[in-house]
Amino acid sequence: MRVSHRFLIALGTTALLAGTAVSQRPDNQLNPLSVTFLNQGQQQLSAGKFDDASNSLESALAADPRNRAAFVVLARVAQKQKLFGKSIRLTNKALALEPNDLDALEVQGESMVELGAKVRAQANLAKLQKLCPSGCKQVAALSGAISRGPTVASVSPPATPKSN
């Protein structure tokens, strides 16, 4: 019996693809090590250990880059450190994985308020209100942040003396 080269190539490709598909996890199943690091990072954030929390959360993302919650908690750490631009970048990564992530939209909106981007924060609030028509904690938190305004004192340039 003759076996053609095309048949062998097709058979090999099918076997290779089948093996790859079996070893992959579904999108909603995170690496357990990533979840462990995430929990550790959340505890460290609560304890005010921002550098340790950041390290744990970065380890969570190294173990599984699909861990949206790790991006959001890391963004909260950045907020605590007054790194609002970094917080927005991190929430953008979470929102790239899930555009309707309520926590990411809230944290991003709060950081936008701190940077003076009130209009963009209001767009996040509108999206949250659409996702939670009956209201949710994220809507209340972002609405409060927008009403309150930036908590960081804005730095004004030093006054220049007038010459006479």
N, C-alpha and C. Protein backbone atom coordinates (compact mmCIF):
# COMPACT_ATOMS: atom_id res chain seq x y z
N MET A 1 0.84 -1.16 0.00
CA MET A 1 0.00 0.00 0.00
C MET A 1 0.90 1.24 0.00
N ARG A 2 0.57 2.15 -0.86
CA ARG A 2 1.35 3.37 -0.98
C ARG A 2 0.70 4.50 -0.19
N VAL A 3 1.50 5.22 0.55
CA VAL A 3 1.02 6.36 1.32
C VAL A 3 1.67 7.59 0.71
N SER A 4 0.83 8.55 0.35
CA SER A 4 1.38 9.74 -0.28
C SER A 4 1.99 10.67 0.77
N HIS A 5 2.91 11.48 0.30
CA HIS A 5 3.55 12.45 1.20
C HIS A 5 2.54 13.47 1.71
N ARG A 6 1.61 13.84 0.87
CA ARG A 6 0.58 14.80 1.29
C ARG A 6 -0.25 14.24 2.44
N PHE A 7 -0.58 12.96 2.37
CA PHE A 7 -1.36 12.34 3.44
C PHE A 7 -0.56 12.33 4.74
N LEU A 8 0.73 12.02 4.68
CA LEU A 8 1.56 12.01 5.89
C LEU A 8 1.69 13.42 6.49
N ILE A 9 1.85 14.41 5.66
CA ILE A 9 1.95 15.78 6.15
C ILE A 9 0.64 16.20 6.80
N ALA A 10 -0.48 15.90 6.16
CA ALA A 10 -1.79 16.24 6.72
C ALA A 10 -2.03 15.52 8.05
N LEU A 11 -1.64 14.25 8.12
CA LEU A 11 -1.80 13.48 9.34
C LEU A 11 -0.94 14.05 10.47
N GLY A 12 0.29 14.41 10.15
CA GLY A 12 1.19 15.00 11.15
C GLY A 12 0.69 16.34 11.65
N THR A 13 0.20 17.16 10.74
CA THR A 13 -0.33 18.47 11.12
C THR A 13 -1.55 18.31 12.01
N THR A 14 -2.43 17.40 11.68
CA THR A 14 -3.63 17.16 12.48
C THR A 14 -3.27 16.69 13.88
N ALA A 15 -2.32 15.79 13.98
CA ALA A 15 -1.90 15.29 15.28
C ALA A 15 -1.26 16.40 16.11
N LEU A 16 -0.48 17.24 15.49
CA LEU A 16 0.17 18.34 16.19
C LEU A 16 -0.86 19.34 16.70
N LEU A 17 -1.83 19.70 15.87
CA LEU A 17 -2.86 20.63 16.28
C LEU A 17 -3.75 20.05 17.37
N ALA A 18 -4.07 18.78 17.28
CA ALA A 18 -4.90 18.14 18.30
C ALA A 18 -4.17 18.12 19.64
N GLY A 19 -2.90 17.85 19.63
CA GLY A 19 -2.13 17.84 20.88
C GLY A 19 -2.07 19.21 21.52
N THR A 20 -1.96 20.25 20.71
CA THR A 20 -1.92 21.61 21.22
C THR A 20 -3.27 22.00 21.81
N ALA A 21 -4.35 21.63 21.16
CA ALA A 21 -5.68 21.99 21.64
C ALA A 21 -6.01 21.31 22.97
N VAL A 22 -5.54 20.10 23.17
CA VAL A 22 -5.81 19.38 24.40
C VAL A 22 -5.11 20.02 25.58
N SER A 23 -3.91 20.56 25.38
CA SER A 23 -3.14 21.10 26.48
C SER A 23 -3.53 22.53 26.85
N GLN A 24 -4.33 23.22 26.07
CA GLN A 24 -4.70 24.59 26.37
C GLN A 24 -5.85 24.63 27.38
N ARG A 25 -5.82 25.69 28.21
CA ARG A 25 -6.90 25.91 29.17
C ARG A 25 -7.92 26.82 28.53
N PRO A 26 -9.18 26.71 28.96
CA PRO A 26 -10.18 27.66 28.47
C PRO A 26 -9.85 29.07 28.96
N ASP A 27 -10.40 30.07 28.27
CA ASP A 27 -10.11 31.46 28.60
C ASP A 27 -10.50 31.84 30.03
N ASN A 28 -11.52 31.19 30.57
CA ASN A 28 -11.98 31.57 31.91
C ASN A 28 -11.27 30.81 33.03
N GLN A 29 -10.33 29.97 32.70
CA GLN A 29 -9.60 29.20 33.70
C GLN A 29 -8.16 29.73 33.77
N LEU A 30 -7.84 30.36 34.90
CA LEU A 30 -6.52 30.94 35.07
C LEU A 30 -5.57 29.93 35.69
N ASN A 31 -4.29 30.14 35.48
CA ASN A 31 -3.26 29.35 36.11
C ASN A 31 -3.39 29.49 37.63
N PRO A 32 -3.47 28.39 38.38
CA PRO A 32 -3.63 28.48 39.84
C PRO A 32 -2.51 29.26 40.52
N LEU A 33 -1.30 29.20 40.01
CA LEU A 33 -0.19 29.96 40.59
C LEU A 33 -0.46 31.46 40.46
N SER A 34 -1.03 31.87 39.33
CA SER A 34 -1.37 33.27 39.12
C SER A 34 -2.41 33.74 40.13
N VAL A 35 -3.39 32.89 40.40
CA VAL A 35 -4.44 33.23 41.37
C VAL A 35 -3.84 33.34 42.78
N THR A 36 -2.91 32.47 43.09
CA THR A 36 -2.25 32.53 44.40
C THR A 36 -1.49 33.84 44.57
N PHE A 37 -0.74 34.24 43.54
CA PHE A 37 -0.01 35.51 43.59
C PHE A 37 -0.98 36.69 43.65
N LEU A 38 -2.11 36.60 42.95
CA LEU A 38 -3.11 37.66 42.99
C LEU A 38 -3.63 37.84 44.42
N ASN A 39 -4.00 36.75 45.06
CA ASN A 39 -4.51 36.83 46.43
C ASN A 39 -3.47 37.41 47.37
N GLN A 40 -2.23 37.01 47.20
CA GLN A 40 -1.13 37.52 48.01
C GLN A 40 -0.98 39.03 47.78
N GLY A 41 -1.05 39.46 46.54
CA GLY A 41 -0.93 40.88 46.22
C GLY A 41 -2.07 41.71 46.81
N GLN A 42 -3.29 41.16 46.80
CA GLN A 42 -4.42 41.87 47.38
C GLN A 42 -4.23 42.05 48.89
N GLN A 43 -3.74 41.02 49.55
CA GLN A 43 -3.49 41.13 50.99
C GLN A 43 -2.41 42.16 51.27
N GLN A 44 -1.37 42.17 50.47
CA GLN A 44 -0.29 43.13 50.67
C GLN A 44 -0.76 44.56 50.41
N LEU A 45 -1.61 44.74 49.42
CA LEU A 45 -2.18 46.06 49.15
C LEU A 45 -2.99 46.53 50.35
N SER A 46 -3.82 45.65 50.90
CA SER A 46 -4.63 45.98 52.07
C SER A 46 -3.76 46.37 53.26
N ALA A 47 -2.59 45.74 53.37
CA ALA A 47 -1.67 46.02 54.47
C ALA A 47 -0.81 47.26 54.20
N GLY A 48 -0.95 47.87 53.03
CA GLY A 48 -0.17 49.06 52.71
C GLY A 48 1.24 48.76 52.24
N LYS A 49 1.52 47.51 51.89
CA LYS A 49 2.86 47.12 51.41
C LYS A 49 2.83 47.18 49.88
N PHE A 50 2.96 48.38 49.34
CA PHE A 50 2.75 48.59 47.91
C PHE A 50 3.82 47.92 47.05
N ASP A 51 5.08 47.98 47.46
CA ASP A 51 6.14 47.35 46.66
C ASP A 51 5.98 45.84 46.63
N ASP A 52 5.67 45.25 47.79
CA ASP A 52 5.46 43.80 47.84
C ASP A 52 4.23 43.41 47.02
N ALA A 53 3.17 44.20 47.12
CA ALA A 53 1.97 43.92 46.34
C ALA A 53 2.26 43.98 44.85
N SER A 54 3.02 44.99 44.46
CA SER A 54 3.38 45.14 43.05
C SER A 54 4.17 43.92 42.56
N ASN A 55 5.11 43.47 43.36
CA ASN A 55 5.91 42.30 42.98
C ASN A 55 5.05 41.05 42.86
N SER A 56 4.16 40.84 43.80
CA SER A 56 3.28 39.66 43.75
C SER A 56 2.36 39.72 42.53
N LEU A 57 1.81 40.89 42.25
CA LEU A 57 0.89 41.02 41.12
C LEU A 57 1.60 40.87 39.79
N GLU A 58 2.83 41.36 39.71
CA GLU A 58 3.60 41.15 38.48
C GLU A 58 3.93 39.67 38.30
N SER A 59 4.15 38.97 39.40
CA SER A 59 4.36 37.52 39.32
C SER A 59 3.10 36.82 38.86
N ALA A 60 1.95 37.31 39.32
CA ALA A 60 0.67 36.74 38.88
C ALA A 60 0.51 36.89 37.37
N LEU A 61 0.90 38.04 36.85
CA LEU A 61 0.79 38.28 35.41
C LEU A 61 1.82 37.50 34.62
N ALA A 62 2.98 37.26 35.22
CA ALA A 62 3.99 36.43 34.54
C ALA A 62 3.50 34.99 34.45
N ALA A 63 2.80 34.53 35.50
CA ALA A 63 2.28 33.16 35.50
C ALA A 63 1.11 33.01 34.54
N ASP A 64 0.30 34.07 34.39
CA ASP A 64 -0.83 34.02 33.47
C ASP A 64 -1.20 35.44 33.04
N PRO A 65 -0.77 35.86 31.85
CA PRO A 65 -1.03 37.22 31.39
C PRO A 65 -2.50 37.53 31.11
N ARG A 66 -3.37 36.53 31.24
CA ARG A 66 -4.82 36.75 31.04
C ARG A 66 -5.54 37.09 32.34
N ASN A 67 -4.80 37.25 33.43
CA ASN A 67 -5.40 37.51 34.73
C ASN A 67 -5.79 38.99 34.83
N ARG A 68 -7.03 39.29 34.41
CA ARG A 68 -7.53 40.68 34.40
C ARG A 68 -7.52 41.28 35.79
N ALA A 69 -7.91 40.50 36.78
CA ALA A 69 -7.97 41.02 38.14
C ALA A 69 -6.60 41.49 38.62
N ALA A 70 -5.54 40.80 38.20
CA ALA A 70 -4.19 41.21 38.58
C ALA A 70 -3.85 42.57 37.98
N PHE A 71 -4.27 42.82 36.74
CA PHE A 71 -4.05 44.13 36.13
C PHE A 71 -4.80 45.21 36.93
N VAL A 72 -6.03 44.92 37.33
CA VAL A 72 -6.84 45.91 38.03
C VAL A 72 -6.27 46.19 39.42
N VAL A 73 -5.88 45.16 40.15
CA VAL A 73 -5.31 45.37 41.49
C VAL A 73 -3.97 46.09 41.38
N LEU A 74 -3.18 45.74 40.37
CA LEU A 74 -1.91 46.44 40.15
C LEU A 74 -2.18 47.92 39.82
N ALA A 75 -3.26 48.20 39.11
CA ALA A 75 -3.64 49.59 38.83
C ALA A 75 -4.03 50.31 40.12
N ARG A 76 -4.67 49.60 41.04
CA ARG A 76 -5.01 50.19 42.34
C ARG A 76 -3.74 50.51 43.14
N VAL A 77 -2.75 49.63 43.05
CA VAL A 77 -1.46 49.89 43.70
C VAL A 77 -0.85 51.16 43.12
N ALA A 78 -0.89 51.28 41.80
CA ALA A 78 -0.34 52.47 41.14
C ALA A 78 -1.08 53.73 41.60
N GLN A 79 -2.40 53.62 41.79
CA GLN A 79 -3.17 54.76 42.30
C GLN A 79 -2.68 55.17 43.69
N LYS A 80 -2.47 54.19 44.54
CA LYS A 80 -2.01 54.48 45.91
C LYS A 80 -0.65 55.17 45.89
N GLN A 81 0.15 54.86 44.87
CA GLN A 81 1.46 55.46 44.73
C GLN A 81 1.40 56.76 43.93
N LYS A 82 0.17 57.19 43.61
CA LYS A 82 -0.06 58.43 42.85
C LYS A 82 0.53 58.36 41.44
N LEU A 83 0.56 57.17 40.87
CA LEU A 83 1.04 56.94 39.50
C LEU A 83 -0.19 56.71 38.61
N PHE A 84 -0.93 57.78 38.37
CA PHE A 84 -2.23 57.67 37.70
C PHE A 84 -2.12 57.28 36.23
N GLY A 85 -1.09 57.74 35.55
CA GLY A 85 -0.87 57.33 34.16
C GLY A 85 -0.62 55.84 34.05
N LYS A 86 0.20 55.33 34.97
CA LYS A 86 0.47 53.88 35.00
C LYS A 86 -0.82 53.11 35.28
N SER A 87 -1.63 53.64 36.19
CA SER A 87 -2.90 53.00 36.51
C SER A 87 -3.79 52.90 35.27
N ILE A 88 -3.84 53.96 34.50
CA ILE A 88 -4.66 53.95 33.28
C ILE A 88 -4.12 52.94 32.28
N ARG A 89 -2.80 52.89 32.12
CA ARG A 89 -2.21 51.91 31.19
C ARG A 89 -2.53 50.47 31.61
N LEU A 90 -2.47 50.21 32.90
CA LEU A 90 -2.77 48.86 33.39
C LEU A 90 -4.24 48.50 33.19
N THR A 91 -5.13 49.46 33.43
CA THR A 91 -6.55 49.17 33.21
C THR A 91 -6.84 49.00 31.72
N ASN A 92 -6.09 49.69 30.86
CA ASN A 92 -6.26 49.48 29.42
C ASN A 92 -5.97 48.02 29.05
N LYS A 93 -4.97 47.44 29.71
CA LYS A 93 -4.65 46.03 29.44
C LYS A 93 -5.76 45.12 29.91
N ALA A 94 -6.36 45.42 31.06
CA ALA A 94 -7.49 44.63 31.54
C ALA A 94 -8.68 44.77 30.60
N LEU A 95 -8.92 45.99 30.15
CA LEU A 95 -10.05 46.24 29.25
C LEU A 95 -9.83 45.64 27.86
N ALA A 96 -8.58 45.44 27.48
CA ALA A 96 -8.30 44.76 26.20
C ALA A 96 -8.73 43.29 26.30
N LEU A 97 -8.62 42.72 27.49
CA LEU A 97 -9.05 41.33 27.70
C LEU A 97 -10.56 41.22 27.84
N GLU A 98 -11.18 42.21 28.49
CA GLU A 98 -12.64 42.24 28.69
C GLU A 98 -13.10 43.69 28.73
N PRO A 99 -13.65 44.19 27.62
CA PRO A 99 -14.02 45.60 27.54
C PRO A 99 -15.08 46.04 28.56
N ASN A 100 -15.82 45.12 29.11
CA ASN A 100 -16.88 45.45 30.06
C ASN A 100 -16.51 45.12 31.50
N ASP A 101 -15.23 45.09 31.83
CA ASP A 101 -14.79 44.81 33.19
C ASP A 101 -15.14 46.01 34.07
N LEU A 102 -16.09 45.82 34.97
CA LEU A 102 -16.60 46.91 35.80
C LEU A 102 -15.52 47.53 36.68
N ASP A 103 -14.72 46.70 37.31
CA ASP A 103 -13.66 47.21 38.19
C ASP A 103 -12.62 48.00 37.40
N ALA A 104 -12.25 47.51 36.24
CA ALA A 104 -11.26 48.22 35.42
C ALA A 104 -11.79 49.58 34.98
N LEU A 105 -13.06 49.64 34.59
CA LEU A 105 -13.66 50.91 34.18
C LEU A 105 -13.69 51.90 35.35
N GLU A 106 -13.99 51.39 36.54
CA GLU A 106 -14.03 52.26 37.72
C GLU A 106 -12.64 52.82 38.05
N VAL A 107 -11.65 51.93 38.15
CA VAL A 107 -10.30 52.35 38.52
C VAL A 107 -9.75 53.31 37.46
N GLN A 108 -9.98 53.00 36.20
CA GLN A 108 -9.51 53.87 35.14
C GLN A 108 -10.16 55.25 35.23
N GLY A 109 -11.46 55.28 35.47
CA GLY A 109 -12.16 56.55 35.60
C GLY A 109 -11.65 57.37 36.77
N GLU A 110 -11.40 56.71 37.90
CA GLU A 110 -10.87 57.42 39.08
C GLU A 110 -9.50 58.03 38.77
N SER A 111 -8.66 57.28 38.06
CA SER A 111 -7.34 57.80 37.70
C SER A 111 -7.46 58.96 36.72
N MET A 112 -8.43 58.88 35.82
CA MET A 112 -8.64 59.98 34.88
C MET A 112 -9.05 61.26 35.62
N VAL A 113 -9.89 61.10 36.64
CA VAL A 113 -10.30 62.26 37.44
C VAL A 113 -9.07 62.90 38.07
N GLU A 114 -8.18 62.08 38.61
CA GLU A 114 -6.98 62.60 39.28
C GLU A 114 -6.07 63.35 38.30
N LEU A 115 -6.11 62.96 37.05
CA LEU A 115 -5.29 63.64 36.04
C LEU A 115 -6.02 64.81 35.38
N GLY A 116 -7.26 65.05 35.82
CA GLY A 116 -8.03 66.17 35.27
C GLY A 116 -8.81 65.85 34.02
N ALA A 117 -8.88 64.59 33.65
CA ALA A 117 -9.62 64.18 32.45
C ALA A 117 -11.06 63.82 32.83
N LYS A 118 -11.79 64.81 33.30
CA LYS A 118 -13.14 64.59 33.82
C LYS A 118 -14.10 64.09 32.73
N VAL A 119 -13.96 64.61 31.53
CA VAL A 119 -14.86 64.20 30.43
C VAL A 119 -14.67 62.72 30.12
N ARG A 120 -13.42 62.28 30.08
CA ARG A 120 -13.16 60.85 29.82
C ARG A 120 -13.65 59.99 30.97
N ALA A 121 -13.53 60.48 32.19
CA ALA A 121 -14.03 59.74 33.35
C ALA A 121 -15.55 59.63 33.28
N GLN A 122 -16.21 60.69 32.83
CA GLN A 122 -17.67 60.66 32.68
C GLN A 122 -18.09 59.66 31.60
N ALA A 123 -17.26 59.48 30.57
CA ALA A 123 -17.56 58.47 29.55
C ALA A 123 -17.50 57.08 30.17
N ASN A 124 -16.52 56.85 31.06
CA ASN A 124 -16.45 55.57 31.76
C ASN A 124 -17.68 55.38 32.65
N LEU A 125 -18.10 56.45 33.32
CA LEU A 125 -19.29 56.39 34.17
C LEU A 125 -20.53 56.05 33.35
N ALA A 126 -20.66 56.65 32.18
CA ALA A 126 -21.80 56.36 31.31
C ALA A 126 -21.80 54.89 30.90
N LYS A 127 -20.63 54.36 30.60
CA LYS A 127 -20.54 52.95 30.22
C LYS A 127 -20.90 52.06 31.40
N LEU A 128 -20.41 52.41 32.59
CA LEU A 128 -20.77 51.65 33.79
C LEU A 128 -22.27 51.69 34.05
N GLN A 129 -22.88 52.86 33.88
CA GLN A 129 -24.32 52.99 34.10
C GLN A 129 -25.11 52.15 33.10
N LYS A 130 -24.59 52.04 31.89
CA LYS A 130 -25.25 51.21 30.87
C LYS A 130 -25.12 49.72 31.23
N LEU A 131 -23.95 49.34 31.78
CA LEU A 131 -23.73 47.95 32.16
C LEU A 131 -24.47 47.57 33.45
N CYS A 132 -24.69 48.56 34.34
CA CYS A 132 -25.37 48.34 35.62
C CYS A 132 -26.56 49.30 35.72
N PRO A 133 -27.62 49.05 34.99
CA PRO A 133 -28.74 50.01 35.00
C PRO A 133 -29.37 50.20 36.37
N SER A 134 -29.30 49.19 37.22
CA SER A 134 -29.89 49.34 38.56
C SER A 134 -28.87 49.86 39.57
N GLY A 135 -27.68 50.15 39.10
CA GLY A 135 -26.62 50.68 39.97
C GLY A 135 -25.77 49.57 40.54
N CYS A 136 -24.52 49.86 40.75
CA CYS A 136 -23.59 48.92 41.36
C CYS A 136 -22.52 49.73 42.08
N LYS A 137 -21.71 49.06 42.86
CA LYS A 137 -20.71 49.78 43.67
C LYS A 137 -19.72 50.55 42.81
N GLN A 138 -19.42 50.06 41.63
CA GLN A 138 -18.47 50.75 40.75
C GLN A 138 -19.04 52.08 40.27
N VAL A 139 -20.36 52.11 39.98
CA VAL A 139 -21.02 53.34 39.55
C VAL A 139 -20.96 54.36 40.68
N ALA A 140 -21.27 53.92 41.89
CA ALA A 140 -21.27 54.82 43.04
C ALA A 140 -19.87 55.36 43.31
N ALA A 141 -18.86 54.50 43.24
CA ALA A 141 -17.49 54.93 43.51
C ALA A 141 -16.99 55.94 42.49
N LEU A 142 -17.21 55.66 41.20
CA LEU A 142 -16.74 56.58 40.16
C LEU A 142 -17.53 57.88 40.17
N SER A 143 -18.82 57.80 40.41
CA SER A 143 -19.65 58.99 40.51
C SER A 143 -19.16 59.89 41.64
N GLY A 144 -18.83 59.28 42.77
CA GLY A 144 -18.29 60.03 43.91
C GLY A 144 -16.96 60.68 43.58
N ALA A 145 -16.11 59.96 42.88
CA ALA A 145 -14.79 60.50 42.51
C ALA A 145 -14.93 61.68 41.57
N ILE A 146 -15.86 61.59 40.63
CA ILE A 146 -16.07 62.69 39.69
C ILE A 146 -16.61 63.92 40.43
N SER A 147 -17.55 63.70 41.33
CA SER A 147 -18.11 64.81 42.10
C SER A 147 -17.07 65.48 42.99
N ARG A 148 -16.22 64.68 43.58
CA ARG A 148 -15.19 65.15 44.50
C ARG A 148 -14.08 65.89 43.74
N GLY A 149 -13.73 65.39 42.58
CA GLY A 149 -12.64 65.98 41.81
C GLY A 149 -11.30 65.43 42.25
N PRO A 150 -10.24 65.94 41.66
CA PRO A 150 -8.91 65.44 41.99
C PRO A 150 -8.58 65.66 43.48
N THR A 151 -7.95 64.66 44.09
CA THR A 151 -7.54 64.79 45.49
C THR A 151 -6.10 65.24 45.60
N VAL A 152 -5.36 65.11 44.52
CA VAL A 152 -3.96 65.52 44.50
C VAL A 152 -3.91 67.01 44.20
N ALA A 153 -3.17 67.75 45.00
CA ALA A 153 -3.03 69.19 44.75
C ALA A 153 -2.29 69.38 43.44
N SER A 154 -2.86 70.21 42.61
CA SER A 154 -2.18 70.45 41.33
C SER A 154 -0.97 71.34 41.57
N VAL A 155 0.06 71.03 40.86
CA VAL A 155 1.31 71.78 41.00
C VAL A 155 1.27 72.93 40.01
N SER A 156 1.37 74.13 40.54
CA SER A 156 1.38 75.29 39.65
C SER A 156 2.82 75.76 39.49
N PRO A 157 3.11 76.35 38.35
CA PRO A 157 4.49 76.82 38.12
C PRO A 157 4.82 77.94 39.10
N PRO A 158 6.09 78.06 39.46
CA PRO A 158 6.46 79.12 40.39
C PRO A 158 6.20 80.49 39.79
N ALA A 159 5.81 81.41 40.65
CA ALA A 159 5.52 82.77 40.19
C ALA A 159 6.83 83.45 39.79
N THR A 160 6.78 84.16 38.68
CA THR A 160 7.96 84.90 38.24
C THR A 160 7.87 86.31 38.74
N PRO A 161 8.94 86.84 39.27
CA PRO A 161 8.88 88.21 39.76
C PRO A 161 8.74 89.19 38.60
N LYS A 162 7.95 90.21 38.84
CA LYS A 162 7.75 91.23 37.81
C LYS A 162 8.85 92.27 37.92
N SER A 163 9.36 92.63 36.79
CA SER A 163 10.41 93.66 36.80
C SER A 163 9.77 95.02 36.55
N ASN A 164 10.25 96.01 37.21
CA ASN A 164 9.70 97.36 37.07
C ASN A 164 10.51 98.18 36.14
